[in-house]
């Protein structure tokens, strides 16, 4: 098959400078698919990036004006990229005889829809989160209006056409069905990890009990609850350290909160680490992974923690419940706390850090749990979906 993946963001080298979950899926799925198929990537231009590039057997075309990673900024430049992607995807599909186009993000969904509607190319939308009704809350009133409008148009056009959906979780699938997408047009294929990369990655465990967060510092990630929990937990756990990896619009606010709680020397803001390998090294060296997020479509960082053998404490939002296996019983590999409840978070972190038997049990559970998220198996499922099986 000749496959075209359209994604707003994509790393600039095979090192994998990952800035978010959507980019992570695009990068690792593309690399795995390229082992058997011809894969083209249509993406945006970052400052200084090449317009045409190639690595890991991928053919990469970068379009539109240059801009850095952002979820809510660079609105005009991002819209220009979206228009460029829609126009270029159709031309590329004809020139390269593309069999399948898959849109990976809101601004590239129009490219997949436009190409599928006016060519013989089979169209897919890989859906991570449904934000209908939540755009204003997640991005602000003015920007949220455009996002809300775009997503409603995307879903309407996709329903009219023959496009199929790949949902990263059952939770996201249920949301798509509520928006009128027929159940039979949605295939659930989770995000994953390359397990061999985690086995090869060697690192020394931190000497201090270290709680690690990885992700964009946005309101949805709710990192303030981790800082509030740390203020309580330091009274019970000697030598506690909280490592926050990532940057974003909430960074200054979170630093002020940490200062107010007198957590200097306890909370470390590591910022954005351009090498995904370095992120994984610091995660794997940690004692516990924590995500207090209140909105996720899947939760790739939780899977990365599980693959790293690092027990977790995460909020009990549906995607985390799904990954942890709690939907079929109790959670495995870690503990879930009541979302938005910093006291319960502090309590669960204390239980996991203080109870050695519980901690060791979680490590053993993760050895089995991670097997369902290996990219080799997941890529085979994507190939089957693309071929119509």
Protein backbone atom coordinates (compact mmCIF):
# COMPACT_ATOMS: atom_id res chain seq x y z
CA UNK A 1 0.00 0.00 0.00
CA UNK A 2 0.97 3.61 -0.54
CA UNK A 3 -0.07 5.52 2.57
CA UNK A 4 -0.27 9.27 3.23
CA UNK A 5 -0.42 10.40 6.87
CA UNK A 6 -1.43 14.04 7.37
CA UNK A 7 -0.47 15.42 10.77
CA UNK A 8 0.07 18.98 11.93
CA UNK A 9 3.25 18.18 13.85
CA UNK A 10 5.97 15.64 13.10
CA UNK A 11 9.56 15.29 14.42
CA UNK A 12 12.46 16.66 12.39
CA UNK A 13 14.68 13.60 12.80
CA UNK A 14 14.55 9.91 13.65
CA UNK A 15 15.52 10.89 17.21
CA UNK A 16 11.85 11.77 17.70
CA UNK A 17 11.50 15.28 19.18
CA UNK A 18 7.98 14.58 20.47
CA UNK A 19 5.82 17.48 21.65
CA UNK A 20 2.48 15.74 22.20
CA UNK A 21 0.45 12.54 22.06
CA UNK A 22 -0.83 13.03 18.50
CA UNK A 23 2.70 13.61 17.21
CA UNK A 24 3.90 10.56 19.13
CA UNK A 25 1.32 8.31 17.49
CA UNK A 26 2.03 9.72 14.03
CA UNK A 27 5.79 9.21 14.44
CA UNK A 28 5.78 5.68 15.84
CA UNK A 29 2.92 4.40 13.68
CA UNK A 30 4.58 5.80 10.56
CA UNK A 31 7.94 4.21 11.37
CA UNK A 32 6.32 0.83 11.94
CA UNK A 33 4.13 1.03 8.82
CA UNK A 34 7.14 2.02 6.70
CA UNK A 35 8.75 -1.35 7.36
CA UNK A 36 6.26 -2.92 4.92
CA UNK A 37 4.51 -0.04 3.13
CA UNK A 38 5.43 3.13 1.24
CA UNK A 39 4.64 5.98 3.67
CA UNK A 40 4.40 9.71 2.97
CA UNK A 41 4.03 12.36 5.69
CA UNK A 42 2.32 15.72 5.11
CA UNK A 43 3.03 18.10 7.99
CA UNK A 44 3.72 21.71 9.00
CA UNK A 45 7.03 23.57 8.86
CA UNK A 46 8.84 24.40 12.05
CA UNK A 47 11.45 27.20 12.11
CA UNK A 48 14.46 26.13 10.07
CA UNK A 49 13.01 22.78 8.97
CA UNK A 50 13.42 21.36 5.46
CA UNK A 51 10.49 21.45 3.06
CA UNK A 52 11.27 17.94 1.83
CA UNK A 53 12.98 15.41 4.06
CA UNK A 54 13.47 11.69 4.51
CA UNK A 55 14.41 9.46 7.45
CA UNK A 56 13.35 6.08 8.84
CA UNK A 57 12.15 5.16 5.29
CA UNK A 58 9.60 8.01 5.47
CA UNK A 59 8.97 10.61 2.75
CA UNK A 60 8.22 13.89 4.52
CA UNK A 61 6.71 17.01 2.95
CA UNK A 62 6.43 20.15 5.09
CA UNK A 63 3.95 22.86 4.08
CA UNK A 64 2.84 26.39 4.83
CA UNK A 65 4.47 29.16 6.89
CA UNK A 66 6.92 28.29 9.64
CA UNK A 67 5.68 28.14 13.26
CA UNK A 68 6.54 26.36 16.48
CA UNK A 69 4.42 23.87 18.41
CA UNK A 70 1.24 25.36 19.85
CA UNK A 71 -2.22 24.16 20.81
CA UNK A 72 -3.87 27.57 20.68
CA UNK A 73 -1.41 30.11 19.22
CA UNK A 74 -0.32 30.92 15.64
CA UNK A 75 -3.96 30.73 14.56
CA UNK A 76 -3.53 32.36 11.12
CA UNK A 77 -0.41 30.36 10.25
CA UNK A 78 -2.06 27.14 11.35
CA UNK A 79 -5.13 27.85 9.21
CA UNK A 80 -2.87 28.56 6.22
CA UNK A 81 -1.17 25.22 6.83
CA UNK A 82 -4.56 23.48 6.96
CA UNK A 83 -5.55 24.99 3.60
CA UNK A 84 -2.16 24.08 2.09
CA UNK A 85 -2.48 20.53 3.39
CA UNK A 86 -5.95 20.09 1.85
CA UNK A 87 -4.78 21.33 -1.55
CA UNK A 88 -1.46 19.47 -1.52
CA UNK A 89 -2.86 16.16 -0.28
CA UNK A 90 -5.12 15.78 -3.28
CA UNK A 91 -2.31 16.59 -5.72
CA UNK A 92 0.07 14.22 -3.92
CA UNK A 93 -2.54 11.45 -3.90
CA UNK A 94 -2.83 11.69 -7.68
CA UNK A 95 0.91 12.02 -8.33
CA UNK A 96 2.01 9.17 -6.02
CA UNK A 97 -1.06 6.95 -6.55
CA UNK A 98 -1.86 7.00 -2.84
CA UNK A 99 -4.14 4.17 -1.69
CA UNK A 100 -4.95 5.49 1.79
CA UNK A 101 -4.91 8.92 3.42
CA UNK A 102 -5.26 9.23 7.19
CA UNK A 103 -5.79 12.60 8.91
CA UNK A 104 -4.26 12.66 12.38
CA UNK A 105 -5.37 16.02 13.79
CA UNK A 106 -8.12 18.64 13.50
CA UNK A 107 -6.23 20.82 11.03
CA UNK A 108 -5.42 17.87 8.77
CA UNK A 109 -8.84 16.22 8.84
CA UNK A 110 -9.99 18.51 5.96
CA UNK A 111 -7.07 17.20 3.86
CA UNK A 112 -8.19 13.60 4.37
CA UNK A 113 -11.86 14.44 3.72
CA UNK A 114 -11.17 16.54 0.61
CA UNK A 115 -8.85 13.89 -0.88
CA UNK A 116 -11.20 10.98 -0.17
CA UNK A 117 -14.25 12.77 -1.54
CA UNK A 118 -12.65 13.69 -4.87
CA UNK A 119 -10.37 10.74 -5.61
CA UNK A 120 -10.23 6.97 -5.32
CA UNK A 121 -8.05 7.24 -2.22
CA UNK A 122 -9.59 5.62 0.86
CA UNK A 123 -9.99 8.16 3.64
CA UNK A 124 -9.53 7.73 7.40
CA UNK A 125 -9.60 10.06 10.38
CA UNK A 126 -7.57 8.95 13.39
CA UNK A 127 -9.47 10.49 16.28
CA UNK A 128 -7.85 11.17 19.66
CA UNK A 129 -10.42 13.33 21.42
CA UNK A 130 -13.89 14.72 20.69
CA UNK A 131 -14.09 18.33 21.86
CA UNK A 132 -17.58 19.23 20.62
CA UNK A 133 -19.13 21.34 23.38
CA UNK A 134 -15.77 21.79 25.15
CA UNK A 135 -13.69 23.96 22.83
CA UNK A 136 -14.34 27.22 24.69
CA UNK A 137 -13.50 25.59 28.01
CA UNK A 138 -10.31 23.98 26.67
CA UNK A 139 -8.90 26.83 24.56
CA UNK A 140 -10.77 30.03 25.47
CA UNK A 141 -13.90 31.68 24.07
CA UNK A 142 -12.59 33.29 20.86
CA UNK A 143 -10.31 30.45 19.73
CA UNK A 144 -12.82 27.90 20.97
CA UNK A 145 -15.46 29.27 18.60
CA UNK A 146 -13.33 28.45 15.55
CA UNK A 147 -12.36 25.05 16.93
CA UNK A 148 -15.98 24.18 17.68
CA UNK A 149 -17.04 25.24 14.19
CA UNK A 150 -14.21 23.30 12.52
CA UNK A 151 -14.90 20.07 14.39
CA UNK A 152 -18.64 20.20 13.72
CA UNK A 153 -17.97 20.76 10.00
CA UNK A 154 -15.42 17.92 9.97
CA UNK A 155 -17.82 15.45 11.57
CA UNK A 156 -20.67 16.55 9.29
CA UNK A 157 -18.57 16.15 6.12
CA UNK A 158 -17.16 12.82 7.32
CA UNK A 159 -20.67 11.50 7.94
CA UNK A 160 -21.76 12.50 4.43
CA UNK A 161 -18.70 10.90 2.85
CA UNK A 162 -17.39 7.37 3.08
CA UNK A 163 -14.59 8.14 5.53
CA UNK A 164 -13.85 5.71 8.27
CA UNK A 165 -12.59 6.48 11.77
CA UNK A 166 -9.78 5.00 13.85
CA UNK A 167 -10.38 5.82 17.50
CA UNK A 168 -7.52 5.56 19.98
CA UNK A 169 -9.83 4.41 22.79
CA UNK A 170 -13.32 3.06 23.46
CA UNK A 171 -13.99 6.29 25.34
CA UNK A 172 -13.34 8.37 22.21
CA UNK A 173 -15.37 5.91 20.12
CA UNK A 174 -18.38 6.38 22.41
CA UNK A 175 -18.07 10.15 21.97
CA UNK A 176 -17.97 9.79 18.19
CA UNK A 177 -21.08 7.62 18.24
CA UNK A 178 -22.85 10.32 20.30
CA UNK A 179 -22.00 12.77 17.50
CA UNK A 180 -23.77 10.55 14.98
CA UNK A 181 -20.87 8.58 13.51
CA UNK A 182 -22.12 5.02 12.74
CA UNK A 183 -20.62 2.42 15.05
CA UNK A 184 -19.58 0.18 12.13
CA UNK A 185 -17.41 2.95 10.65
CA UNK A 186 -15.24 3.21 13.78
CA UNK A 187 -12.32 0.91 14.58
CA UNK A 188 -10.66 1.16 18.00
CA UNK A 189 -6.86 0.90 17.74
CA UNK A 190 -4.95 2.20 20.74
CA UNK A 191 -1.71 4.14 20.84
CA UNK A 192 1.37 2.12 21.62
CA UNK A 193 5.08 1.93 22.35
CA UNK A 194 8.05 0.12 20.83
CA UNK A 195 8.72 -2.29 23.67
CA UNK A 196 12.24 -3.17 22.46
CA UNK A 197 13.25 0.50 22.90
CA UNK A 198 12.33 0.33 26.58
CA UNK A 199 14.18 -2.94 27.12
CA UNK A 200 17.37 -1.49 25.60
CA UNK A 201 17.12 1.76 27.57
CA UNK A 202 19.43 1.52 30.59
CA UNK A 203 19.25 4.01 33.45
CA UNK A 204 19.99 4.27 37.15
CA UNK A 205 17.03 4.58 39.49
CA UNK A 206 16.84 7.87 41.37
CA UNK A 207 18.15 7.67 44.94
CA UNK A 208 15.31 9.88 46.16
CA UNK A 209 11.64 8.79 45.97
CA UNK A 210 10.74 10.61 42.76
CA UNK A 211 7.28 11.30 41.34
CA UNK A 212 7.41 12.15 37.63
CA UNK A 213 4.90 13.99 35.41
CA UNK A 214 5.36 14.19 31.62
CA UNK A 215 3.21 16.38 29.38
CA UNK A 216 2.20 19.84 28.20
CA UNK A 217 1.61 22.28 31.05
CA UNK A 218 -1.99 23.21 30.26
CA UNK A 219 -5.09 23.57 32.42
CA UNK A 220 -6.40 20.19 31.26
CA UNK A 221 -3.35 18.43 32.68
CA UNK A 222 -4.27 19.75 36.16
CA UNK A 223 -0.65 19.67 37.39
CA UNK A 224 -1.54 22.03 40.25
CA UNK A 225 -3.10 19.03 42.05
CA UNK A 226 0.26 17.25 41.94
CA UNK A 227 1.96 20.29 43.49
CA UNK A 228 -0.72 20.52 46.20
CA UNK A 229 -0.34 16.79 46.87
CA UNK A 230 3.44 17.21 47.13
CA UNK A 231 2.96 19.84 49.84
CA UNK A 232 1.18 17.20 51.93
CA UNK A 233 3.31 14.26 50.91
CA UNK A 234 6.63 15.82 51.93
CA UNK A 235 5.51 15.52 55.57
CA UNK A 236 5.35 11.73 55.20
CA UNK A 237 7.99 10.82 52.60
CA UNK A 238 11.59 11.73 53.43
CA UNK A 239 13.62 13.11 50.53
CA UNK A 240 10.60 13.45 48.24
CA UNK A 241 11.20 14.86 44.76
CA UNK A 242 8.62 15.82 42.11
CA UNK A 243 9.91 16.00 38.54
CA UNK A 244 7.77 17.92 36.03
CA UNK A 245 8.85 17.38 32.41
CA UNK A 246 7.25 19.64 29.82
CA UNK A 247 6.39 23.25 29.14
CA UNK A 248 3.27 25.21 28.30
CA UNK A 249 1.07 28.20 29.12
CA UNK A 250 0.58 27.16 32.77
CA UNK A 251 4.30 26.92 33.57
CA UNK A 252 4.66 30.29 35.32
CA UNK A 253 1.47 29.77 37.34
CA UNK A 254 2.66 26.35 38.49
CA UNK A 255 6.09 27.69 39.46
CA UNK A 256 4.42 30.40 41.56
CA UNK A 257 2.25 27.79 43.28
CA UNK A 258 5.31 25.66 44.06
CA UNK A 259 7.05 28.73 45.53
CA UNK A 260 3.97 29.61 47.63
CA UNK A 261 3.98 26.08 49.05
CA UNK A 262 7.73 26.37 49.76
CA UNK A 263 8.57 23.42 47.54
CA UNK A 264 11.91 24.74 46.27
CA UNK A 265 14.29 21.79 46.17
CA UNK A 266 11.37 19.36 46.03
CA UNK A 267 9.66 20.28 42.75
CA UNK A 268 11.91 20.42 39.67
CA UNK A 269 10.63 21.97 36.45
CA UNK A 270 12.75 20.28 33.80
CA UNK A 271 11.05 22.08 30.89
CA UNK A 272 10.71 20.65 27.39
CA UNK A 273 13.27 17.96 26.57
CA UNK A 274 13.74 17.80 22.77
CA UNK A 275 14.93 14.18 22.80
CA UNK A 276 12.16 11.67 23.52
CA UNK A 277 14.86 9.22 24.59
CA UNK A 278 15.95 11.64 27.31
CA UNK A 279 12.34 11.98 28.47
CA UNK A 280 12.05 8.21 28.74
CA UNK A 281 15.36 7.99 30.61
CA UNK A 282 14.17 10.40 33.27
CA UNK A 283 10.78 8.70 33.45
CA UNK A 284 12.34 5.25 33.82
CA UNK A 285 14.68 6.52 36.56
CA UNK A 286 11.70 7.78 38.58
CA UNK A 287 9.90 5.88 41.33
CA UNK A 288 6.31 6.71 40.39
CA UNK A 289 4.63 8.25 37.35
CA UNK A 290 1.73 10.62 37.97
CA UNK A 291 -0.84 12.23 35.68
CA UNK A 292 -3.62 14.27 37.35
CA UNK A 293 -5.13 15.12 33.94
CA UNK A 294 -8.88 15.76 33.70
CA UNK A 295 -9.11 15.52 29.88
CA UNK A 296 -7.41 12.90 27.70
CA UNK A 297 -8.38 11.03 24.56
CA UNK A 298 -6.00 8.19 25.41
CA UNK A 299 -2.97 8.82 27.64
CA UNK A 300 0.23 7.76 25.89
CA UNK A 301 2.45 8.87 28.80
CA UNK A 302 0.70 6.33 31.05
CA UNK A 303 1.49 3.56 28.57
CA UNK A 304 5.10 4.78 28.43
CA UNK A 305 5.30 4.55 32.23
CA UNK A 306 3.87 1.02 32.16
CA UNK A 307 6.38 -0.01 29.48
CA UNK A 308 9.16 1.53 31.61
CA UNK A 309 8.16 -0.55 34.61
CA UNK A 310 7.28 2.54 36.65
CA UNK A 311 4.12 2.15 38.78
CA UNK A 312 1.63 5.00 38.38
CA UNK A 313 -0.90 7.12 40.23
CA UNK A 314 -3.32 8.70 37.75
CA UNK A 315 -6.74 10.34 37.78
CA UNK A 316 -9.74 8.08 37.27
CA UNK A 317 -10.80 9.58 33.93
CA UNK A 318 -12.22 7.00 31.46
CA UNK A 319 -9.13 6.66 29.20
CA UNK A 320 -6.88 5.92 32.19
CA UNK A 321 -9.44 3.48 33.57
CA UNK A 322 -9.40 1.74 30.18
CA UNK A 323 -5.60 1.52 29.99
CA UNK A 324 -5.25 0.32 33.59
CA UNK A 325 -7.66 -2.56 33.08
CA UNK A 326 -9.98 -1.34 35.84
CA UNK A 327 -12.92 -1.47 33.40
CA UNK A 328 -12.77 -5.26 33.88
CA UNK A 329 -11.93 -5.27 37.60
CA UNK A 330 -9.31 -3.42 39.66
CA UNK A 331 -6.58 -1.32 38.13
CA UNK A 332 -3.28 -3.07 37.44
CA UNK A 333 0.22 -1.61 37.55
CA UNK A 334 -0.66 1.32 39.80
CA UNK A 335 -3.47 3.24 41.49
CA UNK A 336 -6.19 5.61 40.32
CA UNK A 337 -7.35 8.59 42.39
CA UNK A 338 -10.52 10.68 42.26
CA UNK A 339 -9.92 13.29 39.55
CA UNK A 340 -9.63 16.84 40.88
CA UNK A 341 -9.03 15.62 44.45
CA UNK A 342 -5.50 16.57 45.59
CA UNK A 343 -5.99 14.92 48.99
CA UNK A 344 -6.85 11.56 47.41
CA UNK A 345 -3.86 11.97 45.08
CA UNK A 346 -1.55 12.55 48.05
CA UNK A 347 -3.02 9.50 49.80
CA UNK A 348 -2.56 7.20 46.78
CA UNK A 349 1.01 8.42 46.20
CA UNK A 350 1.80 7.75 49.85
CA UNK A 351 0.34 4.23 49.66
CA UNK A 352 2.41 3.34 46.62
CA UNK A 353 5.64 4.85 47.95
CA UNK A 354 5.28 3.41 51.46
CA UNK A 355 3.96 -0.10 50.72
CA UNK A 356 6.83 -2.12 49.24
CA UNK A 357 4.69 -5.22 48.59
CA UNK A 358 2.11 -3.15 46.69
CA UNK A 359 4.87 -1.43 44.70
CA UNK A 360 6.50 -4.73 43.67
CA UNK A 361 3.09 -6.19 42.72
CA UNK A 362 2.45 -3.22 40.43
CA UNK A 363 5.80 -3.73 38.67
CA UNK A 364 4.94 -7.39 37.99
CA UNK A 365 1.50 -6.44 36.67
CA UNK A 366 3.02 -3.92 34.26
CA UNK A 367 5.19 -6.62 32.66
CA UNK A 368 2.00 -8.23 31.30
CA UNK A 369 -0.03 -5.07 30.84
CA UNK A 370 2.48 -3.47 28.46
CA UNK A 371 2.29 -6.36 25.97
CA UNK A 372 -1.07 -5.19 24.61
CA UNK A 373 0.47 -1.84 23.60
CA UNK A 374 3.39 -3.01 21.42
CA UNK A 375 3.57 -0.97 18.20
CA UNK A 376 4.37 -4.04 16.09
CA UNK A 377 0.96 -5.55 16.86
CA UNK A 378 -0.85 -2.19 16.71
CA UNK A 379 0.61 -1.36 13.27
CA UNK A 380 -0.73 -4.67 11.98
CA UNK A 381 -4.18 -3.65 13.16
CA UNK A 382 -3.83 -0.29 11.36
CA UNK A 383 -2.77 -2.06 8.16
CA UNK A 384 -5.83 -4.32 8.38
CA UNK A 385 -8.10 -1.33 8.84
CA UNK A 386 -6.54 0.44 5.84
CA UNK A 387 -6.97 -2.66 3.65
CA UNK A 388 -10.63 -3.01 4.66
CA UNK A 389 -10.27 -6.27 6.59
